[in-house]
Structure formats: structure tokens, C-alpha cells
């Protein structure tokens, strides 16, 4: 049961990860999350679609087009 308890404990932090927020609740994204979005073309695309004021749209667009 130790492994199961560890998995259950770890699963509590899933909802706090960038990818989970990006795909499930974009209302929680902030401008600080842009740095994480720029690591992946798909994430950059979806982050740009949220259109957070002050985000670097050109950088997001360039990464999304890779």
C-alpha cells in the first residue's frame, strides 16, 4: 500500500502544474506562466489563444510555428 499512498499523495499536486491548468482551466494562467509556455510549440499556441494582457504574442507565435 505504500506505493498507492505515494501515488495518491503525488496526485494532489497535479492540478497545480502548468500543463494541467493550460488544458483544463485557462482562467488560472498568469503572465508568469508564459515562460513555461515558451518551452513547447503546442503550449505556446494554446497560451497565445488565451490572450493574457501583456504577454509576448510575437514570441509565442514564433514558438508555435516551429
N, C-alpha and C. Protein backbone atom coordinates (compact mmCIF):
# COMPACT_ATOMS: atom_id res chain seq x y z
N UNK A 1 0.82 -1.20 0.00
CA UNK A 1 0.00 0.00 0.00
C UNK A 1 0.86 1.26 0.00
N UNK A 2 2.13 1.12 0.26
CA UNK A 2 2.99 2.30 0.30
C UNK A 2 3.05 3.02 -1.04
N UNK A 3 3.13 2.24 -2.13
CA UNK A 3 3.20 2.83 -3.46
C UNK A 3 1.88 3.55 -3.78
N UNK A 4 0.77 2.93 -3.44
CA UNK A 4 -0.53 3.56 -3.70
C UNK A 4 -0.69 4.85 -2.91
N UNK A 5 -0.27 4.84 -1.68
CA UNK A 5 -0.34 6.06 -0.86
C UNK A 5 0.53 7.16 -1.45
N UNK A 6 1.71 6.79 -1.96
CA UNK A 6 2.59 7.78 -2.59
C UNK A 6 1.95 8.36 -3.84
N UNK A 7 1.32 7.50 -4.66
CA UNK A 7 0.65 7.98 -5.87
C UNK A 7 -0.50 8.92 -5.53
N UNK A 8 -1.27 8.56 -4.53
CA UNK A 8 -2.39 9.42 -4.12
C UNK A 8 -1.89 10.76 -3.60
N UNK A 9 -0.81 10.73 -2.85
CA UNK A 9 -0.24 11.97 -2.32
C UNK A 9 0.30 12.84 -3.45
N UNK A 10 0.99 12.22 -4.41
CA UNK A 10 1.54 12.96 -5.55
C UNK A 10 0.44 13.54 -6.44
N UNK A 11 -0.67 12.85 -6.55
CA UNK A 11 -1.75 13.30 -7.43
C UNK A 11 -2.38 14.60 -6.95
N UNK A 12 -2.20 14.94 -5.68
CA UNK A 12 -2.76 16.19 -5.16
C UNK A 12 -2.11 17.41 -5.80
N UNK A 13 -0.88 17.26 -6.28
CA UNK A 13 -0.17 18.39 -6.88
C UNK A 13 -0.41 18.51 -8.37
N UNK A 14 -1.08 17.55 -8.99
CA UNK A 14 -1.29 17.59 -10.44
C UNK A 14 -2.06 18.84 -10.86
N UNK A 15 -3.07 19.20 -10.13
CA UNK A 15 -3.88 20.35 -10.52
C UNK A 15 -3.12 21.66 -10.45
N UNK A 16 -1.94 21.65 -9.88
CA UNK A 16 -1.14 22.86 -9.78
C UNK A 16 -0.11 22.98 -10.89
N UNK A 17 0.01 21.97 -11.74
CA UNK A 17 1.02 22.01 -12.79
C UNK A 17 0.56 22.87 -13.96
N UNK A 18 1.51 23.43 -14.66
CA UNK A 18 1.22 24.31 -15.79
C UNK A 18 0.38 23.62 -16.86
N UNK A 19 0.75 22.39 -17.23
CA UNK A 19 0.05 21.69 -18.31
C UNK A 19 -1.40 21.40 -17.91
N UNK A 20 -1.61 21.01 -16.68
CA UNK A 20 -2.98 20.73 -16.23
C UNK A 20 -3.83 22.01 -16.32
N UNK A 21 -3.28 23.11 -15.85
CA UNK A 21 -4.00 24.39 -15.90
C UNK A 21 -4.24 24.80 -17.35
N UNK A 22 -3.23 24.65 -18.20
CA UNK A 22 -3.34 25.05 -19.60
C UNK A 22 -4.48 24.33 -20.30
N UNK A 23 -4.62 23.04 -20.06
CA UNK A 23 -5.63 22.26 -20.78
C UNK A 23 -6.97 22.17 -20.07
N UNK A 24 -7.04 22.54 -18.79
CA UNK A 24 -8.28 22.34 -18.05
C UNK A 24 -8.90 23.59 -17.46
N UNK A 25 -8.12 24.59 -17.16
CA UNK A 25 -8.68 25.78 -16.52
C UNK A 25 -7.82 26.99 -16.84
N UNK A 26 -7.93 27.48 -18.06
CA UNK A 26 -7.07 28.58 -18.51
C UNK A 26 -7.30 29.87 -17.73
N UNK A 27 -8.37 29.94 -16.96
CA UNK A 27 -8.62 31.14 -16.15
C UNK A 27 -7.55 31.33 -15.08
N UNK A 28 -6.83 30.27 -14.75
CA UNK A 28 -5.80 30.35 -13.71
C UNK A 28 -4.43 30.73 -14.26
N UNK A 29 -4.27 30.79 -15.58
CA UNK A 29 -2.98 31.15 -16.16
C UNK A 29 -2.65 32.61 -15.88
N UNK A 30 -1.38 32.86 -15.65
CA UNK A 30 -0.91 34.22 -15.41
C UNK A 30 0.23 34.54 -16.38
N UNK A 31 0.62 35.77 -16.41
CA UNK A 31 1.71 36.20 -17.28
C UNK A 31 3.01 35.46 -16.94
N UNK A 32 3.19 35.10 -15.69
CA UNK A 32 4.39 34.37 -15.28
C UNK A 32 4.46 32.99 -15.94
N UNK A 33 3.32 32.42 -16.33
CA UNK A 33 3.28 31.11 -16.96
C UNK A 33 3.79 31.13 -18.41
N UNK A 34 3.97 32.31 -18.96
CA UNK A 34 4.43 32.42 -20.35
C UNK A 34 5.79 31.77 -20.54
N UNK A 35 6.66 31.89 -19.55
CA UNK A 35 8.00 31.29 -19.63
C UNK A 35 7.89 29.78 -19.82
N UNK A 36 6.98 29.16 -19.12
CA UNK A 36 6.75 27.72 -19.25
C UNK A 36 6.15 27.40 -20.61
N UNK A 37 5.24 28.24 -21.09
CA UNK A 37 4.58 28.02 -22.37
C UNK A 37 5.58 28.05 -23.53
N UNK A 38 6.60 28.86 -23.40
CA UNK A 38 7.57 29.01 -24.48
C UNK A 38 8.52 27.82 -24.61
N UNK A 39 8.36 26.82 -23.78
CA UNK A 39 9.19 25.62 -23.86
C UNK A 39 8.67 24.62 -24.89
N UNK A 40 7.43 24.80 -25.34
CA UNK A 40 6.80 23.81 -26.20
C UNK A 40 5.91 24.51 -27.22
N UNK A 41 6.01 24.19 -28.51
CA UNK A 41 5.19 24.87 -29.53
C UNK A 41 3.68 24.75 -29.28
N UNK A 42 3.23 23.58 -28.86
CA UNK A 42 1.80 23.38 -28.61
C UNK A 42 1.33 24.24 -27.43
N UNK A 43 2.13 24.25 -26.38
CA UNK A 43 1.77 25.07 -25.21
C UNK A 43 1.74 26.55 -25.59
N UNK A 44 2.70 26.97 -26.41
CA UNK A 44 2.75 28.37 -26.84
C UNK A 44 1.50 28.75 -27.61
N UNK A 45 1.05 27.85 -28.48
CA UNK A 45 -0.16 28.10 -29.25
C UNK A 45 -1.36 28.31 -28.34
N UNK A 46 -1.56 27.39 -27.40
CA UNK A 46 -2.73 27.48 -26.52
C UNK A 46 -2.63 28.66 -25.57
N UNK A 47 -1.41 28.97 -25.11
CA UNK A 47 -1.24 30.13 -24.23
C UNK A 47 -1.57 31.41 -24.99
N UNK A 48 -1.16 31.50 -26.26
CA UNK A 48 -1.46 32.67 -27.07
C UNK A 48 -2.96 32.81 -27.29
N UNK A 49 -3.66 31.69 -27.44
CA UNK A 49 -5.11 31.74 -27.64
C UNK A 49 -5.84 32.30 -26.43
N UNK A 50 -5.28 32.12 -25.24
CA UNK A 50 -5.89 32.66 -24.02
C UNK A 50 -5.82 34.18 -24.03
N UNK A 51 -4.78 34.72 -24.71
CA UNK A 51 -4.63 36.16 -24.89
C UNK A 51 -4.57 36.92 -23.56
N UNK A 52 -3.59 36.59 -22.76
CA UNK A 52 -3.38 37.26 -21.48
C UNK A 52 -2.75 38.62 -21.75
N UNK A 53 -3.35 39.70 -21.23
CA UNK A 53 -2.80 41.04 -21.45
C UNK A 53 -1.34 41.13 -20.99
N UNK A 54 -0.49 41.68 -21.84
CA UNK A 54 0.91 41.85 -21.52
C UNK A 54 1.80 40.70 -21.98
N UNK A 55 1.20 39.64 -22.51
CA UNK A 55 2.01 38.51 -22.97
C UNK A 55 2.72 38.88 -24.27
N UNK A 56 3.85 38.23 -24.52
CA UNK A 56 4.66 38.49 -25.71
C UNK A 56 4.12 37.64 -26.85
N UNK A 57 3.13 38.16 -27.55
CA UNK A 57 2.46 37.39 -28.59
C UNK A 57 3.41 36.98 -29.71
N UNK A 58 4.34 37.85 -30.08
CA UNK A 58 5.28 37.53 -31.16
C UNK A 58 6.17 36.34 -30.78
N UNK A 59 6.64 36.30 -29.54
CA UNK A 59 7.47 35.17 -29.09
C UNK A 59 6.65 33.89 -29.05
N UNK A 60 5.42 33.98 -28.58
CA UNK A 60 4.54 32.81 -28.54
C UNK A 60 4.24 32.32 -29.95
N UNK A 61 4.00 33.25 -30.86
CA UNK A 61 3.70 32.89 -32.24
C UNK A 61 4.90 32.22 -32.90
N UNK A 62 6.08 32.76 -32.66
CA UNK A 62 7.29 32.19 -33.25
C UNK A 62 7.51 30.77 -32.75
N UNK A 63 7.32 30.54 -31.46
CA UNK A 63 7.50 29.20 -30.91
C UNK A 63 6.43 28.24 -31.42
N UNK A 64 5.19 28.72 -31.53
CA UNK A 64 4.09 27.88 -32.01
C UNK A 64 4.29 27.47 -33.47
N UNK A 65 5.00 28.28 -34.25
CA UNK A 65 5.22 27.98 -35.66
C UNK A 65 6.41 27.07 -35.91
N UNK A 66 7.12 26.68 -34.88
CA UNK A 66 8.26 25.78 -35.04
C UNK A 66 7.83 24.42 -35.53
